Amino acid sequence: MIWYTVELDDKPGSLGRLANALAERGINISAIVGVAEDTDGALMLATSNAEGTRAAFASLNLAFEEHDADGNLSLGDDPRVSQGLTDRGMGLGS
């Protein structure tokens, strides 16, 4: 499984556009976690189709980072996600 970290615009519909771009390609979001802080935020997700996900992101001109789950990825590896979850009482623990 590959995890993707993306930053979405702080505008209504940004997440919907991402979801629609994936849905148009028949791609399922298999895991997701996100944190919003004021106008900054991070979204981490895993999908059913890596190549199609990259194409969907490209169609939206959306910058992203890939994380290979076999490389011992922890959701806490992205400090924005980790801190945002901690701030909301949902820390990932050690």
PDB file of N, CA and C in Angstrom:
ATOM      1  N   MET A   1       0.848  -1.176   0.000  1.00  0.00           N
ATOM      2  CA  MET A   1       0.000   0.000   0.000  1.00  0.00           C
ATOM      3  C   MET A   1       0.893   1.238   0.000  1.00  0.00           C
ATOM      4  N   ILE A   2       0.491   2.215  -0.768  1.00  0.00           N
ATOM      5  CA  ILE A   2       1.199   3.490  -0.816  1.00  0.00           C
ATOM      6  C   ILE A   2       0.311   4.546  -0.172  1.00  0.00           C
ATOM      7  N   TRP A   3       0.895   5.322   0.712  1.00  0.00           N
ATOM      8  CA  TRP A   3       0.209   6.463   1.304  1.00  0.00           C
ATOM      9  C   TRP A   3       0.633   7.711   0.551  1.00  0.00           C
ATOM     10  N   TYR A   4      -0.287   8.640   0.400  1.00  0.00           N
ATOM     11  CA  TYR A   4      -0.019   9.921  -0.240  1.00  0.00           C
ATOM     12  C   TYR A   4      -0.325  11.028   0.751  1.00  0.00           C
ATOM     13  N   THR A   5       0.544  12.015   0.815  1.00  0.00           N
ATOM     14  CA  THR A   5       0.282  13.219   1.601  1.00  0.00           C
ATOM     15  C   THR A   5       0.032  14.350   0.618  1.00  0.00           C
ATOM     16  N   VAL A   6      -1.080  15.021   0.775  1.00  0.00           N
ATOM     17  CA  VAL A   6      -1.429  16.142  -0.088  1.00  0.00           C
ATOM     18  C   VAL A   6      -1.858  17.318   0.770  1.00  0.00           C
ATOM     19  N   GLU A   7      -1.682  18.498   0.226  1.00  0.00           N
ATOM     20  CA  GLU A   7      -2.197  19.705   0.849  1.00  0.00           C
ATOM     21  C   GLU A   7      -3.252  20.267  -0.087  1.00  0.00           C
ATOM     22  N   LEU A   8      -4.438  20.472   0.438  1.00  0.00           N
ATOM     23  CA  LEU A   8      -5.544  20.982  -0.363  1.00  0.00           C
ATOM     24  C   LEU A   8      -5.725  22.469  -0.116  1.00  0.00           C
ATOM     25  N   ASP A   9      -6.253  23.166  -1.115  1.00  0.00           N
ATOM     26  CA  ASP A   9      -6.580  24.576  -0.948  1.00  0.00           C
ATOM     27  C   ASP A   9      -7.608  24.736   0.159  1.00  0.00           C
ATOM     28  N   ASP A  10      -7.511  25.833   0.876  1.00  0.00           N
ATOM     29  CA  ASP A  10      -8.470  26.141   1.929  1.00  0.00           C
ATOM     30  C   ASP A  10      -9.697  26.793   1.304  1.00  0.00           C
ATOM     31  N   LYS A  11     -10.415  25.998   0.517  1.00  0.00           N
ATOM     32  CA  LYS A  11     -11.598  26.474  -0.197  1.00  0.00           C
ATOM     33  C   LYS A  11     -12.660  25.387  -0.168  1.00  0.00           C
ATOM     34  N   PRO A  12     -13.919  25.774  -0.077  1.00  0.00           N
ATOM     35  CA  PRO A  12     -14.985  24.769  -0.151  1.00  0.00           C
ATOM     36  C   PRO A  12     -14.875  23.960  -1.445  1.00  0.00           C
ATOM     37  N   GLY A  13     -15.023  22.665  -1.321  1.00  0.00           N
ATOM     38  CA  GLY A  13     -15.016  21.794  -2.483  1.00  0.00           C
ATOM     39  C   GLY A  13     -13.675  21.176  -2.823  1.00  0.00           C
ATOM     40  N   SER A  14     -12.591  21.613  -2.164  1.00  0.00           N
ATOM     41  CA  SER A  14     -11.267  21.066  -2.494  1.00  0.00           C
ATOM     42  C   SER A  14     -11.207  19.560  -2.287  1.00  0.00           C
ATOM     43  N   LEU A  15     -11.708  19.095  -1.162  1.00  0.00           N
ATOM     44  CA  LEU A  15     -11.708  17.658  -0.898  1.00  0.00           C
ATOM     45  C   LEU A  15     -12.652  16.943  -1.862  1.00  0.00           C
ATOM     46  N   GLY A  16     -13.778  17.559  -2.164  1.00  0.00           N
ATOM     47  CA  GLY A  16     -14.733  16.975  -3.107  1.00  0.00           C
ATOM     48  C   GLY A  16     -14.133  16.809  -4.490  1.00  0.00           C
ATOM     49  N   ARG A  17     -13.370  17.801  -4.956  1.00  0.00           N
ATOM     50  CA  ARG A  17     -12.727  17.694  -6.273  1.00  0.00           C
ATOM     51  C   ARG A  17     -11.731  16.535  -6.293  1.00  0.00           C
ATOM     52  N   LEU A  18     -10.987  16.385  -5.209  1.00  0.00           N
ATOM     53  CA  LEU A  18     -10.044  15.272  -5.120  1.00  0.00           C
ATOM     54  C   LEU A  18     -10.799  13.946  -5.162  1.00  0.00           C
ATOM     55  N   ALA A  19     -11.836  13.827  -4.365  1.00  0.00           N
ATOM     56  CA  ALA A  19     -12.624  12.587  -4.330  1.00  0.00           C
ATOM     57  C   ALA A  19     -13.262  12.299  -5.689  1.00  0.00           C
ATOM     58  N   ASN A  20     -13.771  13.316  -6.348  1.00  0.00           N
ATOM     59  CA  ASN A  20     -14.379  13.122  -7.673  1.00  0.00           C
ATOM     60  C   ASN A  20     -13.354  12.676  -8.707  1.00  0.00           C
ATOM     61  N   ALA A  21     -12.155  13.257  -8.665  1.00  0.00           N
ATOM     62  CA  ALA A  21     -11.112  12.863  -9.626  1.00  0.00           C
ATOM     63  C   ALA A  21     -10.756  11.393  -9.448  1.00  0.00           C
ATOM     64  N   LEU A  22     -10.727  10.925  -8.210  1.00  0.00           N
ATOM     65  CA  LEU A  22     -10.461   9.509  -7.964  1.00  0.00           C
ATOM     66  C   LEU A  22     -11.649   8.658  -8.413  1.00  0.00           C
ATOM     67  N   ALA A  23     -12.860   9.087  -8.058  1.00  0.00           N
ATOM     68  CA  ALA A  23     -14.069   8.323  -8.406  1.00  0.00           C
ATOM     69  C   ALA A  23     -14.228   8.179  -9.918  1.00  0.00           C
ATOM     70  N   GLU A  24     -13.908   9.228 -10.675  1.00  0.00           N
ATOM     71  CA  GLU A  24     -14.018   9.167 -12.133  1.00  0.00           C
ATOM     72  C   GLU A  24     -13.121   8.090 -12.728  1.00  0.00           C
ATOM     73  N   ARG A  25     -12.076   7.722 -11.995  1.00  0.00           N
ATOM     74  CA  ARG A  25     -11.145   6.685 -12.453  1.00  0.00           C
ATOM     75  C   ARG A  25     -11.434   5.335 -11.793  1.00  0.00           C
ATOM     76  N   GLY A  26     -12.515   5.265 -11.033  1.00  0.00           N
ATOM     77  CA  GLY A  26     -12.887   4.024 -10.368  1.00  0.00           C
ATOM     78  C   GLY A  26     -11.962   3.658  -9.217  1.00  0.00           C
ATOM     79  N   ILE A  27     -11.366   4.670  -8.597  1.00  0.00           N
ATOM     80  CA  ILE A  27     -10.387   4.437  -7.538  1.00  0.00           C
ATOM     81  C   ILE A  27     -11.051   4.623  -6.179  1.00  0.00           C
ATOM     82  N   ASN A  28     -10.861   3.643  -5.314  1.00  0.00           N
ATOM     83  CA  ASN A  28     -11.395   3.678  -3.965  1.00  0.00           C
ATOM     84  C   ASN A  28     -10.366   4.258  -3.002  1.00  0.00           C
ATOM     85  N   ILE A  29     -10.815   5.100  -2.083  1.00  0.00           N
ATOM     86  CA  ILE A  29      -9.965   5.556  -0.988  1.00  0.00           C
ATOM     87  C   ILE A  29     -10.071   4.489   0.097  1.00  0.00           C
ATOM     88  N   SER A  30      -8.962   3.802   0.358  1.00  0.00           N
ATOM     89  CA  SER A  30      -8.980   2.688   1.304  1.00  0.00           C
ATOM     90  C   SER A  30      -8.611   3.098   2.721  1.00  0.00           C
ATOM     91  N   ALA A  31      -7.979   4.252   2.877  1.00  0.00           N
ATOM     92  CA  ALA A  31      -7.632   4.773   4.198  1.00  0.00           C
ATOM     93  C   ALA A  31      -7.419   6.276   4.061  1.00  0.00           C
ATOM     94  N   ILE A  32      -7.790   7.013   5.110  1.00  0.00           N
ATOM     95  CA  ILE A  32      -7.644   8.462   5.051  1.00  0.00           C
ATOM     96  C   ILE A  32      -7.533   9.034   6.461  1.00  0.00           C
ATOM     97  N   VAL A  33      -6.708  10.039   6.607  1.00  0.00           N
ATOM     98  CA  VAL A  33      -6.607  10.811   7.843  1.00  0.00           C
ATOM     99  C   VAL A  33      -6.241  12.236   7.435  1.00  0.00           C
ATOM    100  N   GLY A  34      -6.834  13.209   8.087  1.00  0.00           N
ATOM    101  CA  GLY A  34      -6.550  14.591   7.729  1.00  0.00           C
ATOM    102  C   GLY A  34      -6.650  15.501   8.923  1.00  0.00           C
ATOM    103  N   VAL A  35      -5.931  16.614   8.823  1.00  0.00           N
ATOM    104  CA  VAL A  35      -5.926  17.608   9.878  1.00  0.00           C
ATOM    105  C   VAL A  35      -5.956  18.988   9.235  1.00  0.00           C
ATOM    106  N   ALA A  36      -6.808  19.850   9.757  1.00  0.00           N
ATOM    107  CA  ALA A  36      -6.860  21.238   9.293  1.00  0.00           C
ATOM    108  C   ALA A  36      -6.531  22.153  10.464  1.00  0.00           C
ATOM    109  N   GLU A  37      -5.667  23.092  10.226  1.00  0.00           N
ATOM    110  CA  GLU A  37      -5.299  24.103  11.213  1.00  0.00           C
ATOM    111  C   GLU A  37      -5.355  25.454  10.526  1.00  0.00           C
ATOM    112  N   ASP A  38      -6.316  26.276  10.901  1.00  0.00           N
ATOM    113  CA  ASP A  38      -6.508  27.578  10.259  1.00  0.00           C
ATOM    114  C   ASP A  38      -6.583  27.379   8.748  1.00  0.00           C
ATOM    115  N   THR A  39      -5.587  27.881   8.010  1.00  0.00           N
ATOM    116  CA  THR A  39      -5.609  27.720   6.555  1.00  0.00           C
ATOM    117  C   THR A  39      -4.647  26.638   6.086  1.00  0.00           C
ATOM    118  N   ASP A  40      -3.910  26.011   7.007  1.00  0.00           N
ATOM    119  CA  ASP A  40      -2.990  24.943   6.649  1.00  0.00           C
ATOM    120  C   ASP A  40      -3.614  23.609   6.991  1.00  0.00           C
ATOM    121  N   GLY A  41      -3.261  22.605   6.249  1.00  0.00           N
ATOM    122  CA  GLY A  41      -3.761  21.277   6.551  1.00  0.00           C
ATOM    123  C   GLY A  41      -3.059  20.241   5.722  1.00  0.00           C
ATOM    124  N   ALA A  42      -3.153  19.020   6.192  1.00  0.00           N
ATOM    125  CA  ALA A  42      -2.549  17.904   5.475  1.00  0.00           C
ATOM    126  C   ALA A  42      -3.551  16.765   5.437  1.00  0.00           C
ATOM    127  N   LEU A  43      -3.536  16.055   4.341  1.00  0.00           N
ATOM    128  CA  LEU A  43      -4.396  14.902   4.159  1.00  0.00           C
ATOM    129  C   LEU A  43      -3.499  13.742   3.752  1.00  0.00           C
ATOM    130  N   MET A  44      -3.636  12.626   4.447  1.00  0.00           N
ATOM    131  CA  MET A  44      -2.920  11.416   4.058  1.00  0.00           C
ATOM    132  C   MET A  44      -3.968  10.393   3.652  1.00  0.00           C
ATOM    133  N   LEU A  45      -3.738   9.747   2.508  1.00  0.00           N
ATOM    134  CA  LEU A  45      -4.676   8.742   2.059  1.00  0.00           C
ATOM    135  C   LEU A  45      -3.967   7.622   1.323  1.00  0.00           C
ATOM    136  N   ALA A  46      -4.616   6.480   1.327  1.00  0.00           N
ATOM    137  CA  ALA A  46      -4.181   5.326   0.547  1.00  0.00           C
ATOM    138  C   ALA A  46      -5.349   4.966  -0.362  1.00  0.00           C
ATOM    139  N   THR A  47      -5.030   4.457  -1.544  1.00  0.00           N
ATOM    140  CA  THR A  47      -6.075   4.159  -2.522  1.00  0.00           C
ATOM    141  C   THR A  47      -5.895   2.756  -3.104  1.00  0.00           C
ATOM    142  N   SER A  48      -6.851   2.386  -3.920  1.00  0.00           N
ATOM    143  CA  SER A  48      -6.836   1.062  -4.539  1.00  0.00           C
ATOM    144  C   SER A  48      -6.008   1.000  -5.815  1.00  0.00           C
ATOM    145  N   ASN A  49      -5.472   2.137  -6.291  1.00  0.00           N
ATOM    146  CA  ASN A  49      -4.779   2.154  -7.580  1.00  0.00           C
ATOM    147  C   ASN A  49      -3.751   3.276  -7.586  1.00  0.00           C
ATOM    148  N   ALA A  50      -2.481   2.916  -7.439  1.00  0.00           N
ATOM    149  CA  ALA A  50      -1.416   3.925  -7.338  1.00  0.00           C
ATOM    150  C   ALA A  50      -1.263   4.733  -8.629  1.00  0.00           C
ATOM    151  N   GLU A  51      -1.206   4.067  -9.769  1.00  0.00           N
ATOM    152  CA  GLU A  51      -1.013   4.774 -11.044  1.00  0.00           C
ATOM    153  C   GLU A  51      -2.179   5.724 -11.319  1.00  0.00           C
ATOM    154  N   GLY A  52      -3.394   5.266 -11.094  1.00  0.00           N
ATOM    155  CA  GLY A  52      -4.563   6.107 -11.299  1.00  0.00           C
ATOM    156  C   GLY A  52      -4.622   7.277 -10.335  1.00  0.00           C
ATOM    157  N   THR A  53      -4.157   7.053  -9.112  1.00  0.00           N
ATOM    158  CA  THR A  53      -4.121   8.139  -8.125  1.00  0.00           C
ATOM    159  C   THR A  53      -3.173   9.231  -8.577  1.00  0.00           C
ATOM    160  N   ARG A  54      -2.007   8.835  -9.057  1.00  0.00           N
ATOM    161  CA  ARG A  54      -1.047   9.830  -9.569  1.00  0.00           C
ATOM    162  C   ARG A  54      -1.662  10.622 -10.730  1.00  0.00           C
ATOM    163  N   ALA A  55      -2.387   9.939 -11.607  1.00  0.00           N
ATOM    164  CA  ALA A  55      -3.030  10.616 -12.737  1.00  0.00           C
ATOM    165  C   ALA A  55      -4.109  11.579 -12.247  1.00  0.00           C
ATOM    166  N   ALA A  56      -4.870  11.170 -11.241  1.00  0.00           N
ATOM    167  CA  ALA A  56      -5.903  12.051 -10.694  1.00  0.00           C
ATOM    168  C   ALA A  56      -5.278  13.294 -10.087  1.00  0.00           C
ATOM    169  N   PHE A  57      -4.202  13.124  -9.327  1.00  0.00           N
ATOM    170  CA  PHE A  57      -3.517  14.273  -8.736  1.00  0.00           C
ATOM    171  C   PHE A  57      -2.974  15.187  -9.834  1.00  0.00           C
ATOM    172  N   ALA A  58      -2.408  14.606 -10.879  1.00  0.00           N
ATOM    173  CA  ALA A  58      -1.874  15.403 -11.987  1.00  0.00           C
ATOM    174  C   ALA A  58      -2.981  16.201 -12.660  1.00  0.00           C
ATOM    175  N   SER A  59      -4.152  15.592 -12.825  1.00  0.00           N
ATOM    176  CA  SER A  59      -5.266  16.294 -13.479  1.00  0.00           C
ATOM    177  C   SER A  59      -5.716  17.517 -12.680  1.00  0.00           C
ATOM    178  N   LEU A  60      -5.440  17.502 -11.384  1.00  0.00           N
ATOM    179  CA  LEU A  60      -5.807  18.624 -10.507  1.00  0.00           C
ATOM    180  C   LEU A  60      -4.628  19.556 -10.235  1.00  0.00           C
ATOM    181  N   ASN A  61      -3.465  19.241 -10.845  1.00  0.00           N
ATOM    182  CA  ASN A  61      -2.232  19.981 -10.550  1.00  0.00           C
ATOM    183  C   ASN A  61      -1.973  20.014  -9.049  1.00  0.00           C
ATOM    184  N   LEU A  62      -2.165  18.872  -8.404  1.00  0.00           N
ATOM    185  CA  LEU A  62      -2.051  18.747  -6.962  1.00  0.00           C
ATOM    186  C   LEU A  62      -0.697  18.151  -6.598  1.00  0.00           C
ATOM    187  N   ALA A  63       0.085  18.899  -5.834  1.00  0.00           N
ATOM    188  CA  ALA A  63       1.373  18.388  -5.364  1.00  0.00           C
ATOM    189  C   ALA A  63       1.124  17.329  -4.297  1.00  0.00           C
ATOM    190  N   PHE A  64       1.964  16.303  -4.279  1.00  0.00           N
ATOM    191  CA  PHE A  64       1.798  15.234  -3.301  1.00  0.00           C
ATOM    192  C   PHE A  64       3.141  14.582  -3.012  1.00  0.00           C
ATOM    193  N   GLU A  65       3.185  13.858  -1.909  1.00  0.00           N
ATOM    194  CA  GLU A  65       4.337  13.040  -1.556  1.00  0.00           C
ATOM    195  C   GLU A  65       3.845  11.607  -1.423  1.00  0.00           C
ATOM    196  N   GLU A  66       4.677  10.667  -1.846  1.00  0.00           N
ATOM    197  CA  GLU A  66       4.350   9.250  -1.715  1.00  0.00           C
ATOM    198  C   GLU A  66       5.152   8.655  -0.574  1.00  0.00           C
ATOM    199  N   HIS A  67       4.503   7.737   0.138  1.00  0.00           N
ATOM    200  CA  HIS A  67       5.156   7.028   1.233  1.00  0.00           C
ATOM    201  C   HIS A  67       4.836   5.553   1.074  1.00  0.00           C
ATOM    202  N   ASP A  68       5.852   4.740   0.954  1.00  0.00           N
ATOM    203  CA  ASP A  68       5.674   3.299   0.811  1.00  0.00           C
ATOM    204  C   ASP A  68       5.420   2.699   2.187  1.00  0.00           C
ATOM    205  N   ALA A  69       4.285   2.071   2.363  1.00  0.00           N
ATOM    206  CA  ALA A  69       3.939   1.485   3.660  1.00  0.00           C
ATOM    207  C   ALA A  69       4.921   0.392   4.062  1.00  0.00           C
ATOM    208  N   ASP A  70       5.576  -0.245   3.105  1.00  0.00           N
ATOM    209  CA  ASP A  70       6.573  -1.256   3.439  1.00  0.00           C
ATOM    210  C   ASP A  70       7.825  -0.634   4.042  1.00  0.00           C
ATOM    211  N   GLY A  71       7.938   0.689   3.920  1.00  0.00           N
ATOM    212  CA  GLY A  71       9.071   1.406   4.494  1.00  0.00           C
ATOM    213  C   GLY A  71       8.804   1.839   5.917  1.00  0.00           C
ATOM    214  N   ASN A  72       7.908   1.139   6.615  1.00  0.00           N
ATOM    215  CA  ASN A  72       7.589   1.415   8.010  1.00  0.00           C
ATOM    216  C   ASN A  72       6.990   2.791   8.216  1.00  0.00           C
ATOM    217  N   LEU A  73       6.142   3.229   7.317  1.00  0.00           N
ATOM    218  CA  LEU A  73       5.470   4.508   7.458  1.00  0.00           C
ATOM    219  C   LEU A  73       4.560   4.485   8.667  1.00  0.00           C
ATOM    220  N   SER A  74       4.612   5.556   9.395  1.00  0.00           N
ATOM    221  CA  SER A  74       3.665   5.785  10.477  1.00  0.00           C
ATOM    222  C   SER A  74       2.924   7.057  10.143  1.00  0.00           C
ATOM    223  N   LEU A  75       1.632   7.109  10.430  1.00  0.00           N
ATOM    224  CA  LEU A  75       0.896   8.345  10.176  1.00  0.00           C
ATOM    225  C   LEU A  75       1.527   9.495  10.923  1.00  0.00           C
ATOM    226  N   GLY A  76       2.201   9.211  12.028  1.00  0.00           N
ATOM    227  CA  GLY A  76       2.879  10.249  12.794  1.00  0.00           C
ATOM    228  C   GLY A  76       4.130  10.777  12.130  1.00  0.00           C
ATOM    229  N   ASP A  77       4.527  10.183  10.983  1.00  0.00           N
ATOM    230  CA  ASP A  77       5.712  10.661  10.284  1.00  0.00           C
ATOM    231  C   ASP A  77       5.513  12.057   9.704  1.00  0.00           C
ATOM    232  N   ASP A  78       4.297  12.463   9.461  1.00  0.00           N
ATOM    233  CA  ASP A  78       4.026  13.820   8.995  1.00  0.00           C
ATOM    234  C   ASP A  78       3.717  14.644  10.235  1.00  0.00           C
ATOM    235  N   PRO A  79       4.601  15.569  10.605  1.00  0.00           N
ATOM    236  CA  PRO A  79       4.398  16.293  11.863  1.00  0.00           C
ATOM    237  C   PRO A  79       3.096  17.077  11.920  1.00  0.00           C
ATOM    238  N   ARG A  80       2.579  17.544  10.773  1.00  0.00           N
ATOM    239  CA  ARG A  80       1.314  18.274  10.784  1.00  0.00           C
ATOM    240  C   ARG A  80       0.166  17.359  11.169  1.00  0.00           C
ATOM    241  N   VAL A  81       0.181  16.151  10.643  1.00  0.00           N
ATOM    242  CA  VAL A  81      -0.872  15.200  10.968  1.00  0.00           C
ATOM    243  C   VAL A  81      -0.748  14.768  12.415  1.00  0.00           C
ATOM    244  N   SER A  82       0.460  14.422  12.822  1.00  0.00           N
ATOM    245  CA  SER A  82       0.683  13.969  14.193  1.00  0.00           C
ATOM    246  C   SER A  82       0.258  15.028  15.206  1.00  0.00           C
ATOM    247  N   GLN A  83       0.686  16.262  15.026  1.00  0.00           N
ATOM    248  CA  GLN A  83       0.340  17.331  15.966  1.00  0.00           C
ATOM    249  C   GLN A  83      -1.147  17.629  15.935  1.00  0.00           C
ATOM    250  N   GLY A  84      -1.735  17.648  14.770  1.00  0.00           N
ATOM    251  CA  GLY A  84      -3.158  17.914  14.672  1.00  0.00           C
ATOM    252  C   GLY A  84      -4.001  16.872  15.394  1.00  0.00           C
ATOM    253  N   LEU A  85      -3.600  15.608  15.272  1.00  0.00           N
ATOM    254  CA  LEU A  85      -4.320  14.549  15.978  1.00  0.00           C
ATOM    255  C   LEU A  85      -4.105  14.677  17.492  1.00  0.00           C
ATOM    256  N   THR A  86      -2.880  14.972  17.898  1.00  0.00           N
ATOM    257  CA  THR A  86      -2.583  15.154  19.316  1.00  0.00           C
ATOM    258  C   THR A  86      -3.394  16.307  19.892  1.00  0.00           C
ATOM    259  N   ASP A  87      -3.476  17.413  19.156  1.00  0.00           N
ATOM    260  CA  ASP A  87      -4.231  18.581  19.614  1.00  0.00           C
ATOM    261  C   ASP A  87      -5.711  18.241  19.832  1.00  0.00           C
ATOM    262  N   ARG A  88      -6.199  17.255  19.138  1.00  0.00           N
ATOM    263  CA  ARG A  88      -7.602  16.869  19.235  1.00  0.00           C
ATOM    264  C   ARG A  88      -7.822  15.662  20.143  1.00  0.00           C
ATOM    265  N   GLY A  89      -6.780  15.303  20.919  1.00  0.00           N
ATOM    266  CA  GLY A  89      -6.899  14.194  21.841  1.00  0.00           C
ATOM    267  C   GLY A  89      -6.878  12.832  21.178  1.00  0.00           C
ATOM    268  N   MET A  90      -6.350  12.786  19.946  1.00  0.00           N
ATOM    269  CA  MET A  90      -6.316  11.521  19.206  1.00  0.00           C
ATOM    270  C   MET A  90      -4.879  11.144  18.885  1.00  0.00           C
ATOM    271  N   GLY A  91      -3.980  11.297  19.849  1.00  0.00           N
ATOM    272  CA  GLY A  91      -2.573  10.997  19.619  1.00  0.00           C
ATOM    273  C   GLY A  91      -2.369   9.584  19.114  1.00  0.00           C
ATOM    274  N   LEU A  92      -1.311   9.401  18.352  1.00  0.00           N
ATOM    275  CA  LEU A  92      -1.039   8.109  17.760  1.00  0.00           C
ATOM    276  C   LEU A  92      -0.273   7.186  18.706  1.00  0.00           C
ATOM    277  N   GLY A  93       0.168   7.704  19.829  1.00  0.00           N
ATOM    278  CA  GLY A  93       0.906   6.878  20.774  1.00  0.00           C
ATOM    279  C   GLY A  93       2.306   6.584  20.281  1.00  0.00           C
ATOM    280  N   SER A  94       2.990   5.763  21.044  1.00  0.00           N
ATOM    281  CA  SER A  94       4.369   5.449  20.659  1.00  0.00           C
ATOM    282  C   SER A  94       4.466   4.089  20.025  1.00  0.00           C
TER     283      SER A  94
END
